[in-house]
Amino acid sequence: MPEVTIHIGGRGFEVSCQEGEESYLHSAAKMLDDEAQVLSDQIGRMPEARMLLMAGLMLADKTAAVEDRIKEVEAVLAEREQELEALKNAPPPEPERIEIPVVPPQVAESLAELAARTEALAQEIEEQAAG
């Protein structure tokens, strides 16, 4: 079992840990040291046990706040999952009715007559331009 020296509040501590968990231990010690540094900056020098207790309590408070936030996020996630499941199980929407206007036959006939007149006028203009 490896022995690791961690530093908290400017003091060194020898700690044993499982093989391969050294980086986790250093990470946890860094978090505790950061809290101890805040205490040291605010209060100054204090007994080792009190510093460790206060730093641990500060970390526990932060952890509790994070756990509360996780519960809130999980509740929102559960709501969204229920909404998604309800949408998946909902019947498909009714098809939208679209009406396409029908052009009356007399309009089509009028357009054809106008086209014929336009072509006749174009032919006449071409003949005049050529002659």
C-alpha atoms as a PDB file:
ATOM      1  CA  MET A   1       0.000   0.000   0.000  1.00  0.00           C
ATOM      2  CA  PRO A   2       1.664   3.223  -1.133  1.00  0.00           C
ATOM      3  CA  GLU A   3       2.482   5.975   1.342  1.00  0.00           C
ATOM      4  CA  VAL A   4       1.772   9.450   0.018  1.00  0.00           C
ATOM      5  CA  THR A   5       2.650  12.789   1.547  1.00  0.00           C
ATOM      6  CA  ILE A   6      -0.101  15.349   1.152  1.00  0.00           C
ATOM      7  CA  HIS A   7       0.079  19.006   2.166  1.00  0.00           C
ATOM      8  CA  ILE A   8      -2.858  20.744   3.778  1.00  0.00           C
ATOM      9  CA  GLY A   9      -2.669  24.204   5.298  1.00  0.00           C
ATOM     10  CA  GLY A  10       1.089  24.267   4.923  1.00  0.00           C
ATOM     11  CA  ARG A  11       1.509  21.037   6.866  1.00  0.00           C
ATOM     12  CA  GLY A  12       2.565  17.655   5.534  1.00  0.00           C
ATOM     13  CA  PHE A  13       0.696  14.437   6.310  1.00  0.00           C
ATOM     14  CA  GLU A  14       1.709  10.854   5.531  1.00  0.00           C
ATOM     15  CA  VAL A  15      -1.290   8.926   4.225  1.00  0.00           C
ATOM     16  CA  SER A  16      -1.690   5.398   2.890  1.00  0.00           C
ATOM     17  CA  CYS A  17      -3.898   4.619  -0.078  1.00  0.00           C
ATOM     18  CA  GLN A  18      -4.731   1.784  -2.418  1.00  0.00           C
ATOM     19  CA  GLU A  19      -2.418   1.107  -5.344  1.00  0.00           C
ATOM     20  CA  GLY A  20      -3.336   3.372  -8.272  1.00  0.00           C
ATOM     21  CA  GLU A  21      -5.402   5.818  -6.179  1.00  0.00           C
ATOM     22  CA  GLU A  22      -2.574   8.257  -5.530  1.00  0.00           C
ATOM     23  CA  SER A  23      -3.864  10.810  -8.035  1.00  0.00           C
ATOM     24  CA  TYR A  24      -7.330  10.744  -6.417  1.00  0.00           C
ATOM     25  CA  LEU A  25      -5.777  11.260  -3.014  1.00  0.00           C
ATOM     26  CA  HIS A  26      -3.726  14.208  -4.269  1.00  0.00           C
ATOM     27  CA  SER A  27      -6.841  15.692  -5.867  1.00  0.00           C
ATOM     28  CA  ALA A  28      -8.855  15.343  -2.652  1.00  0.00           C
ATOM     29  CA  ALA A  29      -5.967  16.765  -0.618  1.00  0.00           C
ATOM     30  CA  LYS A  30      -5.784  19.750  -3.006  1.00  0.00           C
ATOM     31  CA  MET A  31      -9.475  20.468  -2.419  1.00  0.00           C
ATOM     32  CA  LEU A  32      -9.001  20.273   1.356  1.00  0.00           C
ATOM     33  CA  ASP A  33      -5.868  22.410   1.144  1.00  0.00           C
ATOM     34  CA  ASP A  34      -7.731  25.076  -0.852  1.00  0.00           C
ATOM     35  CA  GLU A  35     -10.366  25.286   1.899  1.00  0.00           C
ATOM     36  CA  ALA A  36      -7.665  25.335   4.589  1.00  0.00           C
ATOM     37  CA  GLN A  37      -5.956  28.181   2.722  1.00  0.00           C
ATOM     38  CA  VAL A  38      -9.208  30.197   2.773  1.00  0.00           C
ATOM     39  CA  LEU A  39      -9.446  29.644   6.532  1.00  0.00           C
ATOM     40  CA  SER A  40      -5.808  30.550   7.023  1.00  0.00           C
ATOM     41  CA  ASP A  41      -6.247  33.764   5.023  1.00  0.00           C
ATOM     42  CA  GLN A  42      -9.364  34.731   6.988  1.00  0.00           C
ATOM     43  CA  ILE A  43      -8.518  33.579  10.521  1.00  0.00           C
ATOM     44  CA  GLY A  44      -4.772  33.072  10.566  1.00  0.00           C
ATOM     45  CA  ARG A  45      -2.926  30.279  12.324  1.00  0.00           C
ATOM     46  CA  MET A  46      -5.091  27.741  14.153  1.00  0.00           C
ATOM     47  CA  PRO A  47      -4.609  24.294  15.656  1.00  0.00           C
ATOM     48  CA  GLU A  48      -4.247  21.511  13.110  1.00  0.00           C
ATOM     49  CA  ALA A  49      -7.353  19.604  14.236  1.00  0.00           C
ATOM     50  CA  ARG A  50      -9.530  22.716  14.104  1.00  0.00           C
ATOM     51  CA  MET A  51      -8.185  23.680  10.647  1.00  0.00           C
ATOM     52  CA  LEU A  52      -8.897  20.189   9.282  1.00  0.00           C
ATOM     53  CA  LEU A  53     -12.339  20.118  10.892  1.00  0.00           C
ATOM     54  CA  MET A  54     -13.321  23.521   9.514  1.00  0.00           C
ATOM     55  CA  ALA A  55     -11.924  22.779   6.038  1.00  0.00           C
ATOM     56  CA  GLY A  56     -13.758  19.428   6.031  1.00  0.00           C
ATOM     57  CA  LEU A  57     -17.004  21.125   7.062  1.00  0.00           C
ATOM     58  CA  MET A  58     -16.601  23.702   4.297  1.00  0.00           C
ATOM     59  CA  LEU A  59     -16.097  20.930   1.738  1.00  0.00           C
ATOM     60  CA  ALA A  60     -19.076  19.025   3.153  1.00  0.00           C
ATOM     61  CA  ASP A  61     -21.206  22.161   2.775  1.00  0.00           C
ATOM     62  CA  LYS A  62     -20.129  22.550  -0.847  1.00  0.00           C
ATOM     63  CA  THR A  63     -20.787  18.861  -1.458  1.00  0.00           C
ATOM     64  CA  ALA A  64     -24.281  19.133   0.045  1.00  0.00           C
ATOM     65  CA  ALA A  65     -25.043  22.118  -2.207  1.00  0.00           C
ATOM     66  CA  VAL A  66     -23.840  20.189  -5.266  1.00  0.00           C
ATOM     67  CA  GLU A  67     -25.926  17.161  -4.263  1.00  0.00           C
ATOM     68  CA  ASP A  68     -29.008  19.388  -3.896  1.00  0.00           C
ATOM     69  CA  ARG A  69     -28.369  20.858  -7.331  1.00  0.00           C
ATOM     70  CA  ILE A  70     -27.925  17.361  -8.792  1.00  0.00           C
ATOM     71  CA  LYS A  71     -31.305  16.357  -7.337  1.00  0.00           C
ATOM     72  CA  GLU A  72     -32.923  19.432  -8.911  1.00  0.00           C
ATOM     73  CA  VAL A  73     -31.361  18.675 -12.293  1.00  0.00           C
ATOM     74  CA  GLU A  74     -32.369  15.018 -12.047  1.00  0.00           C
ATOM     75  CA  ALA A  75     -35.973  16.067 -11.298  1.00  0.00           C
ATOM     76  CA  VAL A  76     -36.010  18.343 -14.356  1.00  0.00           C
ATOM     77  CA  LEU A  77     -34.486  15.559 -16.434  1.00  0.00           C
ATOM     78  CA  ALA A  78     -37.162  13.120 -15.246  1.00  0.00           C
ATOM     79  CA  GLU A  79     -39.860  15.630 -16.255  1.00  0.00           C
ATOM     80  CA  ARG A  80     -38.307  16.047 -19.704  1.00  0.00           C
ATOM     81  CA  GLU A  81     -38.062  12.278 -20.122  1.00  0.00           C
ATOM     82  CA  GLN A  82     -41.756  11.942 -19.227  1.00  0.00           C
ATOM     83  CA  GLU A  83     -42.648  14.681 -21.727  1.00  0.00           C
ATOM     84  CA  LEU A  84     -40.561  12.977 -24.393  1.00  0.00           C
ATOM     85  CA  GLU A  85     -42.186   9.618 -23.697  1.00  0.00           C
ATOM     86  CA  ALA A  86     -45.653  11.215 -23.821  1.00  0.00           C
ATOM     87  CA  LEU A  87     -44.810  12.795 -27.167  1.00  0.00           C
ATOM     88  CA  LYS A  88     -43.512   9.476 -28.512  1.00  0.00           C
ATOM     89  CA  ASN A  89     -46.711   7.709 -27.433  1.00  0.00           C
ATOM     90  CA  ALA A  90     -49.089  10.454 -28.595  1.00  0.00           C
ATOM     91  CA  PRO A  91     -51.140   9.766 -31.725  1.00  0.00           C
ATOM     92  CA  PRO A  92     -49.870  11.480 -34.851  1.00  0.00           C
ATOM     93  CA  PRO A  93     -51.443  14.847 -35.569  1.00  0.00           C
ATOM     94  CA  GLU A  94     -54.371  15.073 -37.946  1.00  0.00           C
ATOM     95  CA  PRO A  95     -53.257  15.810 -41.476  1.00  0.00           C
ATOM     96  CA  GLU A  96     -53.600  19.440 -42.375  1.00  0.00           C
ATOM     97  CA  ARG A  97     -56.268  20.179 -44.952  1.00  0.00           C
ATOM     98  CA  ILE A  98     -54.992  22.284 -47.815  1.00  0.00           C
ATOM     99  CA  GLU A  99     -57.366  23.582 -50.427  1.00  0.00           C
ATOM    100  CA  ILE A 100     -56.061  24.235 -53.906  1.00  0.00           C
ATOM    101  CA  PRO A 101     -58.116  26.721 -55.874  1.00  0.00           C
ATOM    102  CA  VAL A 102     -59.419  25.445 -59.181  1.00  0.00           C
ATOM    103  CA  VAL A 103     -59.139  27.779 -62.131  1.00  0.00           C
ATOM    104  CA  PRO A 104     -62.569  28.097 -63.776  1.00  0.00           C
ATOM    105  CA  PRO A 105     -62.653  26.995 -67.437  1.00  0.00           C
ATOM    106  CA  GLN A 106     -63.648  30.468 -68.684  1.00  0.00           C
ATOM    107  CA  VAL A 107     -60.440  31.924 -67.188  1.00  0.00           C
ATOM    108  CA  ALA A 108     -58.353  29.327 -69.014  1.00  0.00           C
ATOM    109  CA  GLU A 109     -60.198  30.088 -72.251  1.00  0.00           C
ATOM    110  CA  SER A 110     -59.666  33.848 -71.771  1.00  0.00           C
ATOM    111  CA  LEU A 111     -55.945  33.303 -71.156  1.00  0.00           C
ATOM    112  CA  ALA A 112     -55.667  31.152 -74.277  1.00  0.00           C
ATOM    113  CA  GLU A 113     -57.438  33.864 -76.315  1.00  0.00           C
ATOM    114  CA  LEU A 114     -55.097  36.536 -74.909  1.00  0.00           C
ATOM    115  CA  ALA A 115     -52.086  34.394 -75.775  1.00  0.00           C
ATOM    116  CA  ALA A 116     -53.327  33.972 -79.335  1.00  0.00           C
ATOM    117  CA  ARG A 117     -53.890  37.750 -79.713  1.00  0.00           C
ATOM    118  CA  THR A 118     -50.406  38.424 -78.268  1.00  0.00           C
ATOM    119  CA  GLU A 119     -48.816  36.028 -80.744  1.00  0.00           C
ATOM    120  CA  ALA A 120     -50.730  37.654 -83.613  1.00  0.00           C
ATOM    121  CA  LEU A 121     -49.569  41.117 -82.538  1.00  0.00           C
ATOM    122  CA  ALA A 122     -45.994  39.884 -82.191  1.00  0.00           C
ATOM    123  CA  GLN A 123     -46.184  38.367 -85.691  1.00  0.00           C
ATOM    124  CA  GLU A 124     -47.553  41.627 -87.087  1.00  0.00           C
ATOM    125  CA  ILE A 125     -44.759  43.664 -85.421  1.00  0.00           C
ATOM    126  CA  GLU A 126     -42.129  41.296 -86.787  1.00  0.00           C
ATOM    127  CA  GLU A 127     -43.558  41.634 -90.316  1.00  0.00           C
ATOM    128  CA  GLN A 128     -43.561  45.436 -90.050  1.00  0.00           C
ATOM    129  CA  ALA A 129     -39.999  45.446 -88.733  1.00  0.00           C
ATOM    130  CA  ALA A 130     -38.863  43.163 -91.550  1.00  0.00           C
ATOM    131  CA  GLY A 131     -40.678  45.116 -94.271  1.00  0.00           C
END
